[in-house]
PDB file of N, CA and C in Angstrom:
ATOM      1  N   MET A   1      26.723 103.367-122.699  1.00  0.00           N
ATOM      2  CA  MET A   1      27.807 102.513-122.219  1.00  0.00           C
ATOM      3  C   MET A   1      27.192 101.247-121.639  1.00  0.00           C
ATOM      4  N   GLY A   2      27.772 100.096-121.987  1.00  0.00           N
ATOM      5  CA  GLY A   2      27.250  98.817-121.532  1.00  0.00           C
ATOM      6  C   GLY A   2      27.564  98.557-120.070  1.00  0.00           C
ATOM      7  N   GLU A   3      26.855  97.616-119.526  1.00  0.00           N
ATOM      8  CA  GLU A   3      27.044  97.247-118.138  1.00  0.00           C
ATOM      9  C   GLU A   3      28.340  96.455-117.991  1.00  0.00           C
ATOM     10  N   THR A   4      29.114  96.794-116.990  1.00  0.00           N
ATOM     11  CA  THR A   4      30.359  96.097-116.728  1.00  0.00           C
ATOM     12  C   THR A   4      30.064  94.792-115.999  1.00  0.00           C
ATOM     13  N   LYS A   5      30.597  93.711-116.522  1.00  0.00           N
ATOM     14  CA  LYS A   5      30.415  92.417-115.876  1.00  0.00           C
ATOM     15  C   LYS A   5      31.481  92.239-114.801  1.00  0.00           C
ATOM     16  N   THR A   6      31.125  91.563-113.756  1.00  0.00           N
ATOM     17  CA  THR A   6      32.074  91.253-112.693  1.00  0.00           C
ATOM     18  C   THR A   6      32.015  89.760-112.417  1.00  0.00           C
ATOM     19  N   VAL A   7      33.029  89.278-111.747  1.00  0.00           N
ATOM     20  CA  VAL A   7      33.047  87.888-111.301  1.00  0.00           C
ATOM     21  C   VAL A   7      33.216  87.876-109.796  1.00  0.00           C
ATOM     22  N   GLN A   8      32.741  86.835-109.190  1.00  0.00           N
ATOM     23  CA  GLN A   8      32.837  86.707-107.749  1.00  0.00           C
ATOM     24  C   GLN A   8      34.089  85.926-107.405  1.00  0.00           C
ATOM     25  N   LEU A   9      34.853  86.446-106.446  1.00  0.00           N
ATOM     26  CA  LEU A   9      36.023  85.762-105.925  1.00  0.00           C
ATOM     27  C   LEU A   9      35.788  85.485-104.444  1.00  0.00           C
ATOM     28  N   GLY A  10      36.373  84.428-103.960  1.00  0.00           N
ATOM     29  CA  GLY A  10      36.274  84.127-102.540  1.00  0.00           C
ATOM     30  C   GLY A  10      37.631  83.704-102.004  1.00  0.00           C
ATOM     31  N   PHE A  11      37.957  84.165-100.811  1.00  0.00           N
ATOM     32  CA  PHE A  11      39.201  83.751-100.171  1.00  0.00           C
ATOM     33  C   PHE A  11      39.071  83.925 -98.670  1.00  0.00           C
ATOM     34  N   ARG A  12      39.936  83.267 -97.957  1.00  0.00           N
ATOM     35  CA  ARG A  12      39.900  83.308 -96.502  1.00  0.00           C
ATOM     36  C   ARG A  12      40.884  84.347 -95.985  1.00  0.00           C
ATOM     37  N   VAL A  13      40.479  85.045 -94.924  1.00  0.00           N
ATOM     38  CA  VAL A  13      41.353  85.997 -94.249  1.00  0.00           C
ATOM     39  C   VAL A  13      41.228  85.791 -92.754  1.00  0.00           C
ATOM     40  N   HIS A  14      42.197  86.295 -92.038  1.00  0.00           N
ATOM     41  CA  HIS A  14      42.167  86.253 -90.580  1.00  0.00           C
ATOM     42  C   HIS A  14      40.967  87.070 -90.103  1.00  0.00           C
ATOM     43  N   PRO A  15      40.277  86.616 -89.083  1.00  0.00           N
ATOM     44  CA  PRO A  15      39.092  87.334 -88.603  1.00  0.00           C
ATOM     45  C   PRO A  15      39.356  88.809 -88.266  1.00  0.00           C
ATOM     46  N   GLU A  16      40.538  89.114 -87.764  1.00  0.00           N
ATOM     47  CA  GLU A  16      40.848  90.509 -87.421  1.00  0.00           C
ATOM     48  C   GLU A  16      40.863  91.386 -88.676  1.00  0.00           C
ATOM     49  N   LYS A  17      41.362  90.836 -89.793  1.00  0.00           N
ATOM     50  CA  LYS A  17      41.359  91.592 -91.043  1.00  0.00           C
ATOM     51  C   LYS A  17      39.932  91.836 -91.516  1.00  0.00           C
ATOM     52  N   ALA A  18      39.083  90.835 -91.386  1.00  0.00           N
ATOM     53  CA  ALA A  18      37.678  90.990 -91.775  1.00  0.00           C
ATOM     54  C   ALA A  18      37.003  92.052 -90.905  1.00  0.00           C
ATOM     55  N   LYS A  19      37.340  92.055 -89.630  1.00  0.00           N
ATOM     56  CA  LYS A  19      36.782  93.056 -88.713  1.00  0.00           C
ATOM     57  C   LYS A  19      37.234  94.455 -89.114  1.00  0.00           C
ATOM     58  N   LEU A  20      38.508  94.610 -89.380  1.00  0.00           N
ATOM     59  CA  LEU A  20      39.028  95.914 -89.783  1.00  0.00           C
ATOM     60  C   LEU A  20      38.423  96.371 -91.106  1.00  0.00           C
ATOM     61  N   LEU A  21      38.248  95.443 -92.038  1.00  0.00           N
ATOM     62  CA  LEU A  21      37.627  95.779 -93.311  1.00  0.00           C
ATOM     63  C   LEU A  21      36.193  96.255 -93.087  1.00  0.00           C
ATOM     64  N   GLY A  22      35.472  95.579 -92.225  1.00  0.00           N
ATOM     65  CA  GLY A  22      34.103  95.991 -91.904  1.00  0.00           C
ATOM     66  C   GLY A  22      34.064  97.380 -91.286  1.00  0.00           C
ATOM     67  N   GLU A  23      34.990  97.651 -90.376  1.00  0.00           N
ATOM     68  CA  GLU A  23      35.057  98.973 -89.748  1.00  0.00           C
ATOM     69  C   GLU A  23      35.383 100.057 -90.776  1.00  0.00           C
ATOM     70  N   LEU A  24      36.312  99.754 -91.678  1.00  0.00           N
ATOM     71  CA  LEU A  24      36.663 100.709 -92.725  1.00  0.00           C
ATOM     72  C   LEU A  24      35.469 100.952 -93.643  1.00  0.00           C
ATOM     73  N   SER A  25      34.761  99.887 -93.937  1.00  0.00           N
ATOM     74  CA  SER A  25      33.577  99.998 -94.788  1.00  0.00           C
ATOM     75  C   SER A  25      32.549 100.946 -94.165  1.00  0.00           C
ATOM     76  N   ILE A  26      32.336 100.804 -92.885  1.00  0.00           N
ATOM     77  CA  ILE A  26      31.378 101.663 -92.184  1.00  0.00           C
ATOM     78  C   ILE A  26      31.874 103.107 -92.146  1.00  0.00           C
ATOM     79  N   SER A  27      33.145 103.285 -91.782  1.00  0.00           N
ATOM     80  CA  SER A  27      33.662 104.651 -91.626  1.00  0.00           C
ATOM     81  C   SER A  27      33.783 105.395 -92.947  1.00  0.00           C
ATOM     82  N   THR A  28      33.960 104.688 -94.042  1.00  0.00           N
ATOM     83  CA  THR A  28      34.084 105.346 -95.347  1.00  0.00           C
ATOM     84  C   THR A  28      32.776 105.317 -96.131  1.00  0.00           C
ATOM     85  N   ASP A  29      31.786 104.630 -95.589  1.00  0.00           N
ATOM     86  CA  ASP A  29      30.495 104.468 -96.260  1.00  0.00           C
ATOM     87  C   ASP A  29      30.673 103.863 -97.652  1.00  0.00           C
ATOM     88  N   ARG A  30      31.556 102.875 -97.723  1.00  0.00           N
ATOM     89  CA  ARG A  30      31.817 102.156 -98.971  1.00  0.00           C
ATOM     90  C   ARG A  30      31.602 100.665 -98.722  1.00  0.00           C
ATOM     91  N   PRO A  31      31.129  99.944 -99.712  1.00  0.00           N
ATOM     92  CA  PRO A  31      30.980  98.495 -99.553  1.00  0.00           C
ATOM     93  C   PRO A  31      32.355  97.818 -99.390  1.00  0.00           C
ATOM     94  N   ARG A  32      32.364  96.733 -98.658  1.00  0.00           N
ATOM     95  CA  ARG A  32      33.617  95.978 -98.492  1.00  0.00           C
ATOM     96  C   ARG A  32      34.168  95.545 -99.845  1.00  0.00           C
ATOM     97  N   SER A  33      33.291  95.157-100.756  1.00  0.00           N
ATOM     98  CA  SER A  33      33.762  94.710-102.073  1.00  0.00           C
ATOM     99  C   SER A  33      34.461  95.846-102.821  1.00  0.00           C
ATOM    100  N   TRP A  34      33.971  97.062-102.680  1.00  0.00           N
ATOM    101  CA  TRP A  34      34.611  98.210-103.342  1.00  0.00           C
ATOM    102  C   TRP A  34      36.004  98.427-102.760  1.00  0.00           C
ATOM    103  N   LEU A  35      36.116  98.372-101.432  1.00  0.00           N
ATOM    104  CA  LEU A  35      37.414  98.551-100.776  1.00  0.00           C
ATOM    105  C   LEU A  35      38.395  97.463-101.208  1.00  0.00           C
ATOM    106  N   LEU A  36      37.917  96.234-101.279  1.00  0.00           N
ATOM    107  CA  LEU A  36      38.785  95.135-101.699  1.00  0.00           C
ATOM    108  C   LEU A  36      39.226  95.306-103.148  1.00  0.00           C
ATOM    109  N   GLU A  37      38.338  95.774-104.005  1.00  0.00           N
ATOM    110  CA  GLU A  37      38.714  95.970-105.405  1.00  0.00           C
ATOM    111  C   GLU A  37      39.757  97.083-105.528  1.00  0.00           C
ATOM    112  N   GLN A  38      39.611  98.142-104.737  1.00  0.00           N
ATOM    113  CA  GLN A  38      40.606  99.217-104.750  1.00  0.00           C
ATOM    114  C   GLN A  38      41.968  98.693-104.302  1.00  0.00           C
ATOM    115  N   ALA A  39      41.972  97.894-103.247  1.00  0.00           N
ATOM    116  CA  ALA A  39      43.224  97.320-102.752  1.00  0.00           C
ATOM    117  C   ALA A  39      43.841  96.390-103.786  1.00  0.00           C
ATOM    118  N   LEU A  40      43.017  95.584-104.440  1.00  0.00           N
ATOM    119  CA  LEU A  40      43.517  94.671-105.464  1.00  0.00           C
ATOM    120  C   LEU A  40      44.069  95.443-106.659  1.00  0.00           C
ATOM    121  N   ASP A  41      43.381  96.504-107.073  1.00  0.00           N
ATOM    122  CA  ASP A  41      43.879  97.340-108.171  1.00  0.00           C
ATOM    123  C   ASP A  41      45.265  97.885-107.845  1.00  0.00           C
ATOM    124  N   SER A  42      45.417  98.397-106.635  1.00  0.00           N
ATOM    125  CA  SER A  42      46.693  98.967-106.219  1.00  0.00           C
ATOM    126  C   SER A  42      47.792  97.904-106.200  1.00  0.00           C
ATOM    127  N   TYR A  43      47.486  96.738-105.666  1.00  0.00           N
ATOM    128  CA  TYR A  43      48.447  95.640-105.610  1.00  0.00           C
ATOM    129  C   TYR A  43      48.864  95.207-107.009  1.00  0.00           C
ATOM    130  N   LEU A  44      47.883  95.015-107.891  1.00  0.00           N
ATOM    131  CA  LEU A  44      48.197  94.563-109.245  1.00  0.00           C
ATOM    132  C   LEU A  44      49.016  95.598-110.000  1.00  0.00           C
ATOM    133  N   GLU A  45      48.711  96.872-109.816  1.00  0.00           N
ATOM    134  CA  GLU A  45      49.474  97.938-110.464  1.00  0.00           C
ATOM    135  C   GLU A  45      50.929  97.938-109.983  1.00  0.00           C
ATOM    136  N   THR A  46      51.109  97.798-108.682  1.00  0.00           N
ATOM    137  CA  THR A  46      52.461  97.769-108.117  1.00  0.00           C
ATOM    138  C   THR A  46      53.239  96.569-108.628  1.00  0.00           C
ATOM    139  N   GLN A  47      52.620  95.412-108.648  1.00  0.00           N
ATOM    140  CA  GLN A  47      53.301  94.208-109.114  1.00  0.00           C
ATOM    141  C   GLN A  47      53.652  94.305-110.591  1.00  0.00           C
ATOM    142  N   ALA A  48      52.747  94.835-111.400  1.00  0.00           N
ATOM    143  CA  ALA A  48      53.019  94.997-112.835  1.00  0.00           C
ATOM    144  C   ALA A  48      54.181  95.957-113.049  1.00  0.00           C
ATOM    145  N   TRP A  49      54.217  97.060-112.284  1.00  0.00           N
ATOM    146  CA  TRP A  49      55.317  98.025-112.383  1.00  0.00           C
ATOM    147  C   TRP A  49      56.643  97.334-112.045  1.00  0.00           C
ATOM    148  N   GLN A  50      56.644  96.586-110.944  1.00  0.00           N
ATOM    149  CA  GLN A  50      57.865  95.922-110.496  1.00  0.00           C
ATOM    150  C   GLN A  50      58.344  94.894-111.524  1.00  0.00           C
ATOM    151  N   ILE A  51      57.455  94.086-112.020  1.00  0.00           N
ATOM    152  CA  ILE A  51      57.828  93.066-113.002  1.00  0.00           C
ATOM    153  C   ILE A  51      58.361  93.718-114.274  1.00  0.00           C
ATOM    154  N   ALA A  52      57.721  94.794-114.733  1.00  0.00           N
ATOM    155  CA  ALA A  52      58.189  95.485-115.941  1.00  0.00           C
ATOM    156  C   ALA A  52      59.603  96.017-115.746  1.00  0.00           C
ATOM    157  N   HIS A  53      59.892  96.567-114.571  1.00  0.00           N
ATOM    158  CA  HIS A  53      61.227  97.099-114.320  1.00  0.00           C
ATOM    159  C   HIS A  53      62.273  95.994-114.164  1.00  0.00           C
ATOM    160  N   ILE A  54      61.881  94.887-113.585  1.00  0.00           N
ATOM    161  CA  ILE A  54      62.793  93.740-113.498  1.00  0.00           C
ATOM    162  C   ILE A  54      63.115  93.240-114.898  1.00  0.00           C
ATOM    163  N   GLU A  55      62.088  93.098-115.732  1.00  0.00           N
ATOM    164  CA  GLU A  55      62.314  92.630-117.103  1.00  0.00           C
ATOM    165  C   GLU A  55      63.180  93.615-117.884  1.00  0.00           C
ATOM    166  N   GLU A  56      62.973  94.910-117.665  1.00  0.00           N
ATOM    167  CA  GLU A  56      63.799  95.923-118.321  1.00  0.00           C
ATOM    168  C   GLU A  56      65.262  95.788-117.883  1.00  0.00           C
ATOM    169  N   GLY A  57      65.470  95.587-116.591  1.00  0.00           N
ATOM    170  CA  GLY A  57      66.822  95.413-116.079  1.00  0.00           C
ATOM    171  C   GLY A  57      67.483  94.161-116.623  1.00  0.00           C
ATOM    172  N   LEU A  58      66.726  93.077-116.707  1.00  0.00           N
ATOM    173  CA  LEU A  58      67.277  91.845-117.254  1.00  0.00           C
ATOM    174  C   LEU A  58      67.627  92.005-118.727  1.00  0.00           C
ATOM    175  N   ALA A  59      66.788  92.730-119.473  1.00  0.00           N
ATOM    176  CA  ALA A  59      67.076  92.975-120.890  1.00  0.00           C
ATOM    177  C   ALA A  59      68.341  93.819-121.027  1.00  0.00           C
ATOM    178  N   ASP A  60      68.507  94.819-120.167  1.00  0.00           N
ATOM    179  CA  ASP A  60      69.730  95.625-120.184  1.00  0.00           C
ATOM    180  C   ASP A  60      70.950  94.755-119.889  1.00  0.00           C
ATOM    181  N   ALA A  61      70.828  93.894-118.899  1.00  0.00           N
ATOM    182  CA  ALA A  61      71.945  93.018-118.553  1.00  0.00           C
ATOM    183  C   ALA A  61      72.262  92.071-119.702  1.00  0.00           C
ATOM    184  N   ASP A  62      71.228  91.503-120.317  1.00  0.00           N
ATOM    185  CA  ASP A  62      71.442  90.612-121.453  1.00  0.00           C
ATOM    186  C   ASP A  62      72.114  91.326-122.618  1.00  0.00           C
ATOM    187  N   ALA A  63      71.851  92.635-122.746  1.00  0.00           N
ATOM    188  CA  ALA A  63      72.447  93.428-123.827  1.00  0.00           C
ATOM    189  C   ALA A  63      73.837  93.937-123.454  1.00  0.00           C
ATOM    190  N   GLY A  64      74.286  93.602-122.242  1.00  0.00           N
ATOM    191  CA  GLY A  64      75.620  94.008-121.816  1.00  0.00           C
ATOM    192  C   GLY A  64      75.698  95.405-121.233  1.00  0.00           C
ATOM    193  N   HIS A  65      74.559  96.019-120.952  1.00  0.00           N
ATOM    194  CA  HIS A  65      74.538  97.357-120.366  1.00  0.00           C
ATOM    195  C   HIS A  65      74.645  97.251-118.846  1.00  0.00           C
ATOM    196  N   MET A  66      75.865  97.059-118.376  1.00  0.00           N
ATOM    197  CA  MET A  66      76.095  96.913-116.941  1.00  0.00           C
ATOM    198  C   MET A  66      77.303  97.740-116.541  1.00  0.00           C
ATOM    199  N   VAL A  67      77.393  98.016-115.243  1.00  0.00           N
ATOM    200  CA  VAL A  67      78.541  98.703-114.673  1.00  0.00           C
ATOM    201  C   VAL A  67      79.265  97.676-113.807  1.00  0.00           C
ATOM    202  N   SER A  68      80.567  97.625-113.934  1.00  0.00           N
ATOM    203  CA  SER A  68      81.334  96.615-113.201  1.00  0.00           C
ATOM    204  C   SER A  68      81.318  96.888-111.696  1.00  0.00           C
ATOM    205  N   HIS A  69      81.494  95.833-110.961  1.00  0.00           N
ATOM    206  CA  HIS A  69      81.579  95.925-109.506  1.00  0.00           C
ATOM    207  C   HIS A  69      82.708  96.880-109.111  1.00  0.00           C
ATOM    208  N   GLU A  70      83.807  96.793-109.793  1.00  0.00           N
ATOM    209  CA  GLU A  70      84.966  97.629-109.472  1.00  0.00           C
ATOM    210  C   GLU A  70      84.633  99.121-109.629  1.00  0.00           C
ATOM    211  N   ARG A  71      83.937  99.476-110.715  1.00  0.00           N
ATOM    212  CA  ARG A  71      83.570 100.888-110.924  1.00  0.00           C
ATOM    213  C   ARG A  71      82.605 101.373-109.854  1.00  0.00           C
ATOM    214  N   ILE A  72      81.694 100.528-109.460  1.00  0.00           N
ATOM    215  CA  ILE A  72      80.754 100.892-108.392  1.00  0.00           C
ATOM    216  C   ILE A  72      81.514 101.081-107.082  1.00  0.00           C
ATOM    217  N   ARG A  73      82.417 100.148-106.774  1.00  0.00           N
ATOM    218  CA  ARG A  73      83.189 100.236-105.535  1.00  0.00           C
ATOM    219  C   ARG A  73      84.016 101.511-105.502  1.00  0.00           C
ATOM    220  N   GLU A  74      84.684 101.824-106.601  1.00  0.00           N
ATOM    221  CA  GLU A  74      85.498 103.034-106.670  1.00  0.00           C
ATOM    222  C   GLU A  74      84.651 104.278-106.431  1.00  0.00           C
ATOM    223  N   TRP A  75      83.444 104.275-106.959  1.00  0.00           N
ATOM    224  CA  TRP A  75      82.555 105.410-106.751  1.00  0.00           C
ATOM    225  C   TRP A  75      82.100 105.500-105.301  1.00  0.00           C
ATOM    226  N   LEU A  76      81.730 104.355-104.721  1.00  0.00           N
ATOM    227  CA  LEU A  76      81.205 104.359-103.358  1.00  0.00           C
ATOM    228  C   LEU A  76      82.226 104.831-102.327  1.00  0.00           C
ATOM    229  N   VAL A  77      83.492 104.526-102.521  1.00  0.00           N
ATOM    230  CA  VAL A  77      84.493 104.941-101.537  1.00  0.00           C
ATOM    231  C   VAL A  77      84.681 106.457-101.532  1.00  0.00           C
ATOM    232  N   THR A  78      84.162 107.174-102.529  1.00  0.00           N
ATOM    233  CA  THR A  78      84.271 108.635-102.544  1.00  0.00           C
ATOM    234  C   THR A  78      83.099 109.312-101.845  1.00  0.00           C
ATOM    235  N   TRP A  79      82.058 108.564-101.482  1.00  0.00           N
ATOM    236  CA  TRP A  79      80.877 109.164-100.856  1.00  0.00           C
ATOM    237  C   TRP A  79      81.267 109.938 -99.606  1.00  0.00           C
ATOM    238  N   GLY A  80      80.714 111.135 -99.484  1.00  0.00           N
ATOM    239  CA  GLY A  80      80.935 111.939 -98.284  1.00  0.00           C
ATOM    240  C   GLY A  80      82.260 112.675 -98.252  1.00  0.00           C
ATOM    241  N   SER A  81      83.068 112.519 -99.283  1.00  0.00           N
ATOM    242  CA  SER A  81      84.357 113.199 -99.312  1.00  0.00           C
ATOM    243  C   SER A  81      84.285 114.398-100.245  1.00  0.00           C
ATOM    244  N   GLU A  82      85.298 115.236-100.185  1.00  0.00           N
ATOM    245  CA  GLU A  82      85.367 116.389-101.088  1.00  0.00           C
ATOM    246  C   GLU A  82      85.496 115.939-102.532  1.00  0.00           C
ATOM    247  N   ASN A  83      85.989 114.733-102.735  1.00  0.00           N
ATOM    248  CA  ASN A  83      86.200 114.201-104.079  1.00  0.00           C
ATOM    249  C   ASN A  83      85.092 113.254-104.525  1.00  0.00           C
ATOM    250  N   GLU A  84      83.910 113.440-103.943  1.00  0.00           N
ATOM    251  CA  GLU A  84      82.812 112.524-104.273  1.00  0.00           C
ATOM    252  C   GLU A  84      82.547 112.566-105.783  1.00  0.00           C
ATOM    253  N   GLY A  85      82.565 111.395-106.374  1.00  0.00           N
ATOM    254  CA  GLY A  85      82.413 111.301-107.817  1.00  0.00           C
ATOM    255  C   GLY A  85      80.968 111.175-108.264  1.00  0.00           C
ATOM    256  N   GLU A  86      80.778 111.266-109.567  1.00  0.00           N
ATOM    257  CA  GLU A  86      79.462 111.043-110.155  1.00  0.00           C
ATOM    258  C   GLU A  86      79.218 109.545-110.259  1.00  0.00           C
ATOM    259  N   PRO A  87      77.958 109.139-110.119  1.00  0.00           N
ATOM    260  CA  PRO A  87      77.676 107.708-110.253  1.00  0.00           C
ATOM    261  C   PRO A  87      78.027 107.210-111.643  1.00  0.00           C
ATOM    262  N   PRO A  88      78.622 106.038-111.710  1.00  0.00           N
ATOM    263  CA  PRO A  88      78.946 105.465-113.022  1.00  0.00           C
ATOM    264  C   PRO A  88      77.672 105.101-113.778  1.00  0.00           C
ATOM    265  N   ALA A  89      77.735 105.262-115.077  1.00  0.00           N
ATOM    266  CA  ALA A  89      76.558 104.931-115.888  1.00  0.00           C
ATOM    267  C   ALA A  89      76.912 103.882-116.913  1.00  0.00           C
TER     268      ALA A  89
END
């Protein structure tokens, strides 16, 4: 397996964040760069998930797959009652 290439990034953070990162690095016995890469991976994964779901929702709306406000309202007024309805689809 070939060597993985990396690039260097630089950015400014509040000194308290840098201090906390250093403390975490010591307590976990991991380099600060490794911790930052893990955090960035998690952030990018979350953002990609969110954007994909937004785009899916917009495509559904563009295709006319929506539930009217009135149907939602009618359903919501039944919440907590003996006649609670199923969510409209």
